[in-house]
Protein backbone atom coordinates (compact mmCIF):
# COMPACT_ATOMS: atom_id res chain seq x y z
CA MET A 1 -58.92 13.85 3.29
CA PHE A 2 -56.12 12.83 4.59
CA ARG A 3 -56.32 8.89 3.90
CA ARG A 4 -56.51 9.20 0.36
CA PRO A 5 -53.04 10.89 -0.09
CA ILE A 6 -51.27 8.87 2.02
CA LEU A 7 -52.59 5.69 0.52
CA SER A 8 -51.85 7.12 -3.00
CA ARG A 9 -47.91 8.51 -1.56
CA ILE A 10 -47.24 4.71 -0.54
CA GLY A 11 -48.47 3.32 -3.93
CA LYS A 12 -51.86 3.00 -3.41
CA ILE A 13 -51.12 -0.19 -1.10
CA GLN A 14 -53.39 -2.40 1.33
CA LEU A 15 -52.45 -0.52 4.58
CA SER A 16 -52.58 -2.50 7.78
CA ALA A 17 -51.06 -1.26 10.72
CA ASN A 18 -50.20 -4.05 13.23
CA PHE A 19 -47.83 -2.19 15.52
CA CYS A 20 -49.51 1.32 15.00
CA SER A 21 -52.53 2.44 14.24
CA LEU A 22 -54.03 4.59 11.28
CA GLU A 23 -54.89 7.11 13.65
CA ASN A 24 -51.16 7.41 15.58
CA PHE A 25 -49.59 7.20 11.93
CA LYS A 26 -51.75 10.37 11.25
CA ARG A 27 -51.17 12.13 14.09
CA SER A 28 -47.67 11.16 14.13
CA LEU A 29 -47.46 12.88 10.14
CA VAL A 30 -49.42 15.76 11.56
CA ASN A 31 -47.67 16.88 14.28
CA SER A 32 -43.50 15.94 13.17
CA GLY A 33 -44.51 17.32 10.13
CA ALA A 34 -43.14 14.24 8.33
CA GLY A 35 -45.21 15.26 4.89
CA ILE A 36 -43.60 15.58 1.82
CA SER A 37 -44.97 17.95 -0.39
CA PRO A 38 -44.92 16.98 -3.84
CA SER A 39 -43.21 20.06 -5.23
CA LYS A 40 -40.12 19.71 -2.64
CA SER A 41 -39.65 16.66 -2.78
CA GLU A 42 -40.57 13.27 -5.16
CA PRO A 43 -43.77 11.44 -4.36
CA VAL A 44 -43.40 8.42 -2.47
CA SER A 45 -45.94 6.43 -4.65
CA SER A 46 -43.10 6.89 -7.37
CA LYS A 47 -41.15 4.71 -5.12
CA LYS A 48 -40.64 0.91 -5.18
CA VAL A 49 -42.55 -0.11 -1.70
CA SER A 50 -41.58 -4.03 -1.24
CA PRO A 51 -44.75 -6.10 -0.25
CA GLY A 52 -45.09 -6.56 3.14
CA LYS A 53 -43.05 -2.99 4.44
CA GLU A 54 -46.19 -1.03 5.26
CA ASN A 55 -45.91 -1.93 8.97
CA VAL A 56 -41.98 -1.04 8.92
CA ILE A 57 -42.92 2.59 7.37
CA PHE A 58 -45.32 3.19 9.45
CA TYR A 59 -42.57 2.30 12.59
CA LEU A 60 -40.19 4.16 11.29
CA VAL A 61 -42.45 7.47 10.95
CA ASP A 62 -44.37 6.82 13.94
CA SER A 63 -41.88 5.52 15.99
CA CYS A 64 -38.52 6.65 14.92
CA GLY A 65 -39.20 10.05 13.04
CA LEU A 66 -38.39 9.46 9.83
CA ASN A 67 -39.91 11.34 6.97
CA LEU A 68 -42.60 9.37 5.06
CA GLU A 69 -39.90 9.49 1.77
CA ARG A 70 -36.89 8.22 3.88
CA ALA A 71 -38.84 5.51 5.99
CA VAL A 72 -40.09 4.08 2.31
CA SER A 73 -36.26 4.20 1.25
CA THR A 74 -35.19 2.77 4.73
CA SER A 75 -37.81 -0.13 4.70
CA GLY A 76 -36.20 -1.88 2.33
CA LYS A 77 -32.86 -3.17 4.08
CA LEU A 78 -35.44 -4.16 7.35
CA HIS A 79 -37.62 -6.52 7.80
CA PHE A 80 -39.16 -7.60 11.11
CA ASP A 81 -42.75 -9.65 12.28
CA SER A 82 -42.22 -7.31 16.05
CA PRO A 83 -41.25 -4.45 16.88
CA ASP A 84 -40.07 -5.73 20.35
CA LYS A 85 -36.27 -5.68 19.08
CA ALA A 86 -36.72 -2.07 17.60
CA ASN A 87 -38.12 -0.69 20.37
CA ALA A 88 -35.27 -1.99 22.84
CA VAL A 89 -32.45 -0.35 20.71
CA MET A 90 -34.99 2.98 20.74
CA HIS A 91 -34.89 2.77 24.75
CA PHE A 92 -31.29 1.81 24.92
CA LEU A 93 -30.68 4.89 22.91
CA GLU A 94 -32.85 7.31 24.53
CA LYS A 95 -31.47 5.80 27.95
CA HIS A 96 -27.58 6.92 26.63
CA GLY A 97 -28.48 10.32 25.47
CA PHE A 98 -29.79 10.07 21.84
CA SER A 99 -32.33 12.52 21.09
CA LYS A 100 -35.11 11.60 18.92
CA THR A 101 -33.63 13.46 15.71
CA GLN A 102 -30.13 11.94 16.59
CA ILE A 103 -32.01 8.11 16.70
CA ALA A 104 -33.92 9.24 13.59
CA GLU A 105 -30.50 10.26 11.72
CA LEU A 106 -28.77 6.97 13.17
CA VAL A 107 -31.69 4.71 11.56
CA SER A 108 -31.56 6.11 8.17
CA ARG A 109 -28.01 5.42 7.86
CA ARG A 110 -28.08 2.48 9.53
CA PRO A 111 -31.32 1.04 9.61
CA LYS A 112 -30.35 -2.51 10.93
CA PHE A 113 -29.20 -1.21 13.91
CA LEU A 114 -33.14 -1.95 14.81
CA LEU A 115 -32.74 -5.52 14.71
CA ALA A 116 -29.77 -5.42 16.89
CA ASN A 117 -29.30 -6.69 20.77
CA PRO A 118 -27.93 -3.31 22.35
CA GLU A 119 -26.96 -4.61 25.33
CA LYS A 120 -24.25 -7.26 23.50
CA SER A 121 -23.56 -4.74 20.08
CA PHE A 122 -23.69 -1.62 21.13
CA LEU A 123 -22.91 -1.43 25.12
CA PRO A 124 -19.52 -2.56 24.89
CA LYS A 125 -18.81 0.36 22.26
CA ILE A 126 -20.32 2.91 24.17
CA GLU A 127 -18.49 1.77 27.45
CA PHE A 128 -15.57 2.04 25.58
CA LEU A 129 -15.92 5.37 24.39
CA LEU A 130 -16.80 6.60 28.01
CA HIS A 131 -14.99 4.56 30.13
CA SER A 132 -11.35 4.00 28.53
CA MET A 133 -11.34 6.93 26.03
CA GLY A 134 -12.89 9.14 28.19
CA PHE A 135 -15.48 10.97 26.70
CA SER A 136 -18.04 13.14 28.12
CA GLU A 137 -22.10 11.45 27.09
CA PHE A 138 -22.13 14.42 24.61
CA ASP A 139 -18.86 14.08 22.79
CA MET A 140 -19.67 10.22 22.87
CA VAL A 141 -23.38 10.75 21.25
CA GLU A 142 -21.71 13.21 18.86
CA SER A 143 -19.23 11.27 17.71
CA VAL A 144 -21.30 7.85 17.00
CA VAL A 145 -23.93 10.22 15.42
CA LYS A 146 -21.41 11.33 12.77
CA HIS A 147 -19.74 7.90 12.48
CA PRO A 148 -22.46 5.26 13.17
CA ALA A 149 -19.48 2.35 12.39
CA TYR A 150 -18.20 2.99 16.04
CA LEU A 151 -21.19 0.88 17.09
CA ALA A 152 -21.30 -1.19 14.34
CA SER A 153 -17.80 -2.60 14.97
CA SER A 154 -18.11 -6.20 15.60
CA GLY A 155 -16.75 -8.20 18.34
CA SER A 156 -13.37 -10.29 18.38
CA GLY A 157 -12.92 -11.09 22.00
CA ILE A 158 -14.62 -10.80 25.10
CA GLY A 159 -15.12 -7.25 26.02
CA ARG A 160 -12.99 -6.29 22.59
CA TYR A 161 -14.15 -5.21 19.25
CA LYS A 162 -12.35 -3.81 16.36
CA LEU A 163 -12.24 -0.32 17.36
CA THR A 164 -9.63 -1.28 20.15
CA PRO A 165 -6.95 -2.74 18.32
CA VAL A 166 -7.44 0.16 15.81
CA TYR A 167 -7.53 2.67 18.45
CA GLU A 168 -3.86 0.52 20.25
CA TYR A 169 -2.39 1.06 16.75
CA VAL A 170 -2.80 4.30 15.99
CA GLN A 171 -2.22 5.55 19.64
CA GLY A 172 1.34 3.76 19.47
CA ILE A 173 2.41 5.93 16.33
CA VAL A 174 0.99 9.17 17.48
CA GLY A 175 0.34 9.46 20.87
CA SER A 176 -2.84 8.71 22.97
CA ARG A 177 -3.82 12.86 23.12
CA LYS A 178 -3.95 12.65 18.91
CA ALA A 179 -5.31 9.56 18.78
CA GLY A 180 -8.16 10.92 20.91
CA ILE A 181 -8.76 13.82 19.11
CA LEU A 182 -8.85 11.24 15.88
CA LEU A 183 -11.25 9.54 17.40
CA ARG A 184 -13.87 12.46 18.54
CA ARG A 185 -13.16 13.88 14.72
CA GLY A 186 -14.81 10.70 13.39
CA SER A 187 -11.72 9.39 11.20
CA TRP A 188 -12.61 6.78 8.86
CA ILE A 189 -9.44 5.17 9.47
CA PHE A 190 -11.31 3.15 12.51
CA ASP A 191 -13.73 2.46 10.67
CA HIS A 192 -12.63 -0.87 9.15
CA GLY A 193 -11.06 -2.40 11.90
CA LEU A 194 -7.01 -2.64 11.72
CA ASP A 195 -6.25 -2.56 8.21
CA LYS A 196 -3.50 -4.75 6.70
CA LYS A 197 -2.78 -1.95 4.19
CA ILE A 198 -2.30 0.60 6.52
CA ILE A 199 0.29 -1.93 8.16
CA ASP A 200 1.87 -2.65 4.85
CA ASN A 201 2.14 1.09 4.24
CA LEU A 202 3.76 2.28 7.37
CA ALA A 203 5.92 -0.73 7.11
CA LEU A 204 6.88 0.81 3.61
CA LEU A 205 8.03 3.66 4.63
CA ARG A 206 9.87 2.59 7.77
CA GLU A 207 12.22 0.56 5.20
CA LEU A 208 12.70 3.58 2.76
CA GLY A 209 13.91 5.50 5.94
CA VAL A 210 11.56 7.91 6.22
CA PRO A 211 11.21 9.95 9.73
CA GLN A 212 8.79 8.52 12.45
CA SER A 213 7.80 12.21 12.46
CA CYS A 214 6.89 12.11 9.15
CA ILE A 215 4.93 9.22 9.40
CA GLU A 216 3.25 10.43 12.53
CA PHE A 217 2.43 13.66 10.67
CA SER A 218 0.74 11.99 7.82
CA LEU A 219 -1.21 9.63 9.92
CA PHE A 220 -2.71 12.41 12.24
CA HIS A 221 -3.09 15.20 9.33
CA TYR A 222 -3.47 12.92 6.01
CA PRO A 223 -4.46 9.63 6.70
CA ASP A 224 -6.35 9.32 3.06
CA VAL A 225 -2.63 9.34 2.26
CA VAL A 226 -1.86 5.63 4.22
CA THR A 227 -4.97 3.96 3.58
CA ARG A 228 -4.68 3.65 0.04
CA LYS A 229 -4.26 0.31 -1.50
CA HIS A 230 -0.44 -0.89 -0.77
CA GLU A 231 0.55 -1.80 -4.58
CA SER A 232 -1.04 2.24 -5.49
CA PHE A 233 0.66 3.68 -2.69
CA LYS A 234 4.06 1.67 -3.39
CA GLN A 235 4.00 2.58 -6.74
CA ILE A 236 3.33 6.45 -5.94
CA VAL A 237 5.87 5.77 -3.42
CA SER A 238 8.23 4.99 -5.98
CA GLU A 239 7.23 7.86 -8.27
CA ILE A 240 8.03 10.24 -5.53
CA GLU A 241 11.15 8.91 -5.01
CA GLY A 242 12.08 9.05 -8.66
CA MET A 243 12.20 12.27 -8.32
CA GLY A 244 15.37 12.63 -6.54
CA LYS A 245 17.15 10.73 -9.63
CA ARG A 246 15.75 12.91 -12.75
CA ASN A 247 15.73 16.50 -13.85
CA TRP A 248 14.61 18.09 -10.58
CA GLY A 249 17.88 17.01 -8.05
CA TRP A 250 15.46 16.59 -4.92
CA SER A 251 17.75 14.63 -2.47
CA LYS A 252 15.96 12.66 -0.10
CA ASP A 253 16.09 15.02 2.22
CA ASP A 254 13.92 17.54 0.27
CA ILE A 255 11.39 14.30 -0.51
CA TYR A 256 11.23 13.93 3.36
CA MET A 257 10.33 17.81 3.81
CA ALA A 258 7.97 17.93 0.91
CA PHE A 259 6.38 14.68 2.35
CA ARG A 260 6.26 16.07 6.18
CA LYS A 261 4.95 19.44 5.10
CA HIS A 262 2.17 17.80 2.85
CA PRO A 263 2.18 14.23 2.81
CA SER A 264 -0.93 14.47 0.59
CA CYS A 265 1.46 15.73 -2.32
CA MET A 266 1.77 11.74 -2.71
CA LEU A 267 -1.58 11.98 -4.31
CA LEU A 268 -0.60 14.09 -7.16
CA SER A 269 0.53 12.41 -10.25
CA GLU A 270 4.21 12.45 -11.51
CA LYS A 271 2.91 14.24 -14.35
CA LYS A 272 1.69 16.77 -12.19
CA ILE A 273 4.37 17.59 -10.16
CA SER A 274 6.79 17.62 -13.32
CA ARG A 275 4.91 19.92 -15.17
CA PHE A 276 4.92 22.22 -12.00
CA LEU A 277 8.74 21.91 -11.24
CA ASP A 278 9.63 22.06 -15.30
CA PHE A 279 7.67 25.39 -15.31
CA VAL A 280 9.39 26.56 -11.80
CA ALA A 281 12.87 25.75 -12.86
CA ASN A 282 12.73 26.15 -16.64
CA LYS A 283 10.33 28.67 -17.50
CA MET A 284 10.99 30.47 -14.20
CA GLY A 285 14.57 29.85 -13.08
CA ARG A 286 13.91 29.09 -9.86
CA ASP A 287 15.39 26.31 -8.08
CA SER A 288 13.08 23.77 -7.86
CA ARG A 289 14.28 22.31 -4.61
CA THR A 290 12.96 25.76 -3.29
CA ILE A 291 8.94 23.72 -3.47
CA ALA A 292 9.96 20.93 -1.03
CA ARG A 293 9.80 23.40 1.56
CA VAL A 294 6.15 24.73 0.36
CA PRO A 295 4.74 21.50 -1.19
CA TYR A 296 0.81 22.85 -0.97
CA ILE A 297 2.02 25.36 -3.75
CA ILE A 298 1.97 22.21 -6.53
CA PHE A 299 -1.91 21.47 -5.72
CA TYR A 300 -2.81 24.92 -7.36
CA SER A 301 -4.14 24.75 -10.72
CA MET A 302 -1.62 25.56 -13.75
CA GLU A 303 -3.82 27.14 -16.07
CA LYS A 304 -5.87 29.39 -13.33
CA ARG A 305 -3.58 29.92 -10.89
CA ILE A 306 0.10 29.21 -11.40
CA ILE A 307 0.72 30.47 -14.68
CA PRO A 308 -1.00 34.33 -15.15
CA ARG A 309 0.39 35.09 -11.83
CA CYS A 310 4.01 34.46 -12.88
CA SER A 311 3.28 36.32 -16.03
CA VAL A 312 2.57 39.07 -14.25
CA LEU A 313 5.52 38.98 -12.10
CA HIS A 314 7.86 38.34 -14.83
CA HIS A 315 6.31 41.35 -16.06
CA LEU A 316 7.39 43.33 -13.00
CA PHE A 317 10.45 42.01 -13.04
CA LEU A 318 11.59 43.12 -16.19
CA ASN A 319 10.50 46.46 -15.31
CA CYS A 320 12.30 46.48 -12.12
CA PHE A 321 9.25 46.60 -10.12
CA VAL A 322 9.94 43.52 -8.42
CA LYS A 323 13.16 41.39 -7.26
CA LYS A 324 14.44 38.22 -9.13
CA ASN A 325 13.61 35.91 -6.03
CA TRP A 326 10.12 37.47 -5.61
CA SER A 327 8.66 34.83 -3.00
CA LEU A 328 6.54 32.17 -4.63
CA THR A 329 3.91 31.86 -1.40
CA SER A 330 3.66 35.55 -1.55
CA VAL A 331 2.20 35.57 -4.72
CA MET A 332 0.46 32.23 -5.20
CA CYS A 333 -1.25 31.70 -1.97
CA PRO A 334 -3.39 35.47 -1.56
CA THR A 335 -6.90 35.57 -2.61
CA GLU A 336 -7.96 36.36 -6.27
CA GLU A 337 -8.89 39.65 -4.41
CA LYS A 338 -5.38 40.12 -2.92
CA PHE A 339 -3.56 39.22 -5.71
CA LEU A 340 -4.80 41.75 -7.97
CA GLU A 341 -4.99 44.14 -5.29
CA ASN A 342 -0.78 43.86 -4.38
CA TYR A 343 0.63 43.01 -7.65
CA VAL A 344 -1.61 44.56 -10.54
CA ILE A 345 -4.00 47.32 -9.76
CA ARG A 346 -1.00 48.81 -7.66
CA TYR A 347 0.93 49.35 -10.87
CA LEU A 348 -1.57 50.00 -13.19
CA LYS A 349 -0.30 53.64 -13.81
CA GLU A 350 3.38 52.73 -14.57
CA LEU A 351 2.12 49.46 -16.52
CA PRO A 352 -1.23 49.43 -17.56
CA GLN A 353 -0.69 46.63 -20.03
CA LEU A 354 -0.45 44.34 -16.51
CA ARG A 355 -4.50 43.97 -16.30
CA GLN A 356 -4.53 42.56 -20.15
CA ILE A 357 -1.43 40.26 -19.53
CA TYR A 358 -3.32 38.39 -16.39
CA ARG A 359 -6.64 38.14 -18.38
CA ARG A 360 -5.22 36.99 -21.56
CA GLU A 361 -3.35 34.21 -19.13
CA THR A 362 -6.90 33.82 -17.43
CA SER A 363 -9.19 33.90 -20.35
CA ASP A 364 -6.96 30.84 -21.97
CA VAL A 365 -8.90 28.44 -19.64
CA VAL A 366 -12.55 29.58 -20.09
């Protein structure tokens, strides 16, 4: 009764269990709940099973704890005639504190880990995290499971691998404490070695006179900004710099302030920024330079938030319920519920048209 659905779900192929018997495979499926209900997942029979992968599938389910569906998918990336290497990897990981569930997660994301020499490939990385970084075993395991690339880092000399020079470079910019925090977070800045584009991007910021504090802040809080391709990064920097020479009158200090407070504003298009500043300066009569102090406001949707809320506040101002220099942050940042409570519902008795004004502006985007 059990054998038929298993055979059909692996494509009705001939199963020859060299590494574990079919009875062990059965018990594994029953005990671990690895079987997949057709109602919850695509049947394995619909997946293409490469010839000769049956034994690999058995191993991934029986020894590694993957469910059958995941094992079939993962088996396409693996080939081995003997389980000896895979067993050595499993034993090594268990010895260093990885649970069965964590090992299954690692294997499903990085199947070729099972083909590695753990003492040569994994041990230097683990020792770096435990001894050089001072991670506890728990922190080390959690970091590796979240970021398997830490174990995949390749060697570049005795006792060194690509994670080490990246850490040293980052440490030189943000300090030891923050570099350690980034490593624990699993920041993908550590994934690809000491990337030339990161070095070039930071060098460009220094050439332009961007304060070290801004560079440190962006690398720690917004590494996605400085990990962009260098040509793209140069174009963005050029556009942001040009804002100081266009209609908006941002000085270099204003640009640096905006960058320091929210480096991701560099990822916004010139069109997005210009449209926002045009609205604030020309429609709302505000000094566009004030936005440099709260650049995160630029990220809000013009249609869904900025224009509707400003329309309400403009009407309140015309009727003397708010001052001309009402706070942008107190209006733009609150949740929808809080904004309605503070600026619409509160004044409905005197200005019943407020609700209609707000609804009209927001309905335009529906």
